[in-house]
């Protein structure tokens, strides 16, 4: 990306993260639909208690005021939900 991005941006040590937005939206989705209703959970592809533990670790870290790099990564939980959204869309088509 040299020559495309400003050097200060290209070489910065920190990168943008969308975990806060994703965390809020996952919380809303789980409150409305429940983790146990994800297609991946219902089909036995993903363990609901493991997903819940991963999500709770993120939530607890945010509540404790931890720096984002010190909070468990929420990406795997988001991937499970993204697959669920995709399956739902495909089945509806």
Protein backbone atom coordinates (compact mmCIF):
# COMPACT_ATOMS: atom_id res chain seq x y z
CA UNK A 1 0.00 0.00 0.00
CA UNK A 2 3.07 2.20 -0.11
CA UNK A 3 2.26 5.26 -2.17
CA UNK A 4 -1.49 4.64 -1.83
CA UNK A 5 -2.02 5.31 1.87
CA UNK A 6 -0.42 8.09 3.89
CA UNK A 7 2.65 6.68 5.67
CA UNK A 8 1.22 7.54 9.09
CA UNK A 9 -1.80 5.36 8.33
CA UNK A 10 0.09 2.60 6.55
CA UNK A 11 2.62 2.10 9.35
CA UNK A 12 0.47 2.73 12.42
CA UNK A 13 0.66 0.13 15.15
CA UNK A 14 -3.05 0.00 15.90
CA UNK A 15 -5.82 -0.85 13.52
CA UNK A 16 -9.52 -0.09 13.52
CA UNK A 17 -11.78 -2.51 15.31
CA UNK A 18 -15.52 -2.90 15.03
CA UNK A 19 -15.88 -5.25 17.99
CA UNK A 20 -17.95 -2.75 19.98
CA UNK A 21 -20.54 -2.39 17.22
CA UNK A 22 -20.53 -6.12 16.57
CA UNK A 23 -20.85 -6.85 20.29
CA UNK A 24 -23.88 -4.60 20.67
CA UNK A 25 -25.60 -6.11 17.64
CA UNK A 26 -24.83 -9.67 18.74
CA UNK A 27 -26.32 -8.86 22.13
CA UNK A 28 -29.53 -7.64 20.49
CA UNK A 29 -29.69 -10.69 18.25
CA UNK A 30 -29.12 -13.15 21.10
CA UNK A 31 -31.69 -11.37 23.25
CA UNK A 32 -34.29 -11.58 20.47
CA UNK A 33 -33.47 -15.00 19.03
CA UNK A 34 -31.22 -16.82 21.50
CA UNK A 35 -27.93 -18.54 20.77
CA UNK A 36 -29.63 -21.93 20.78
CA UNK A 37 -31.68 -20.98 17.72
CA UNK A 38 -28.69 -20.45 15.40
CA UNK A 39 -28.77 -22.96 12.52
CA UNK A 40 -25.21 -24.03 13.34
CA UNK A 41 -26.22 -24.81 16.92
CA UNK A 42 -29.46 -26.58 15.99
CA UNK A 43 -27.57 -28.72 13.46
CA UNK A 44 -24.86 -29.60 15.97
CA UNK A 45 -22.08 -27.81 14.09
CA UNK A 46 -21.38 -25.36 16.93
CA UNK A 47 -21.76 -25.84 20.68
CA UNK A 48 -24.13 -23.25 22.18
CA UNK A 49 -22.38 -23.20 25.56
CA UNK A 50 -19.02 -22.53 23.90
CA UNK A 51 -20.47 -19.68 21.84
CA UNK A 52 -22.15 -18.27 24.95
CA UNK A 53 -18.91 -18.51 26.95
CA UNK A 54 -17.01 -16.71 24.19
CA UNK A 55 -19.63 -13.96 23.97
CA UNK A 56 -19.82 -13.57 27.77
CA UNK A 57 -16.03 -13.28 27.95
CA UNK A 58 -16.22 -10.35 25.57
CA UNK A 59 -19.12 -8.72 27.44
CA UNK A 60 -17.43 -9.17 30.82
CA UNK A 61 -14.21 -7.64 29.48
CA UNK A 62 -16.05 -4.60 28.15
CA UNK A 63 -17.91 -4.15 31.44
CA UNK A 64 -14.63 -4.34 33.32
CA UNK A 65 -13.27 -1.54 31.13
CA UNK A 66 -10.49 -3.60 29.64
CA UNK A 67 -8.59 -2.36 26.60
CA UNK A 68 -9.86 -4.00 23.37
CA UNK A 69 -6.61 -5.94 22.94
CA UNK A 70 -7.15 -7.51 26.39
CA UNK A 71 -10.70 -8.69 25.71
CA UNK A 72 -11.45 -12.09 24.19
CA UNK A 73 -11.95 -11.78 20.45
CA UNK A 74 -15.57 -11.82 19.35
CA UNK A 75 -14.88 -12.68 15.71
CA UNK A 76 -15.70 -16.39 16.04
CA UNK A 77 -19.09 -15.56 17.53
CA UNK A 78 -19.75 -13.12 14.71
CA UNK A 79 -18.78 -15.76 12.13
CA UNK A 80 -21.34 -18.18 13.58
CA UNK A 81 -24.04 -15.50 13.37
CA UNK A 82 -22.96 -14.50 9.85
CA UNK A 83 -23.34 -18.11 8.71
CA UNK A 84 -26.76 -18.18 10.35
CA UNK A 85 -27.82 -15.02 8.51
CA UNK A 86 -26.59 -16.50 5.23
CA UNK A 87 -28.41 -19.83 5.75
CA UNK A 88 -31.59 -17.96 6.68
CA UNK A 89 -31.37 -15.86 3.50
CA UNK A 90 -30.69 -18.90 1.30
CA UNK A 91 -33.59 -20.87 2.78
CA UNK A 92 -35.92 -17.90 2.28
CA UNK A 93 -34.98 -17.52 -1.40
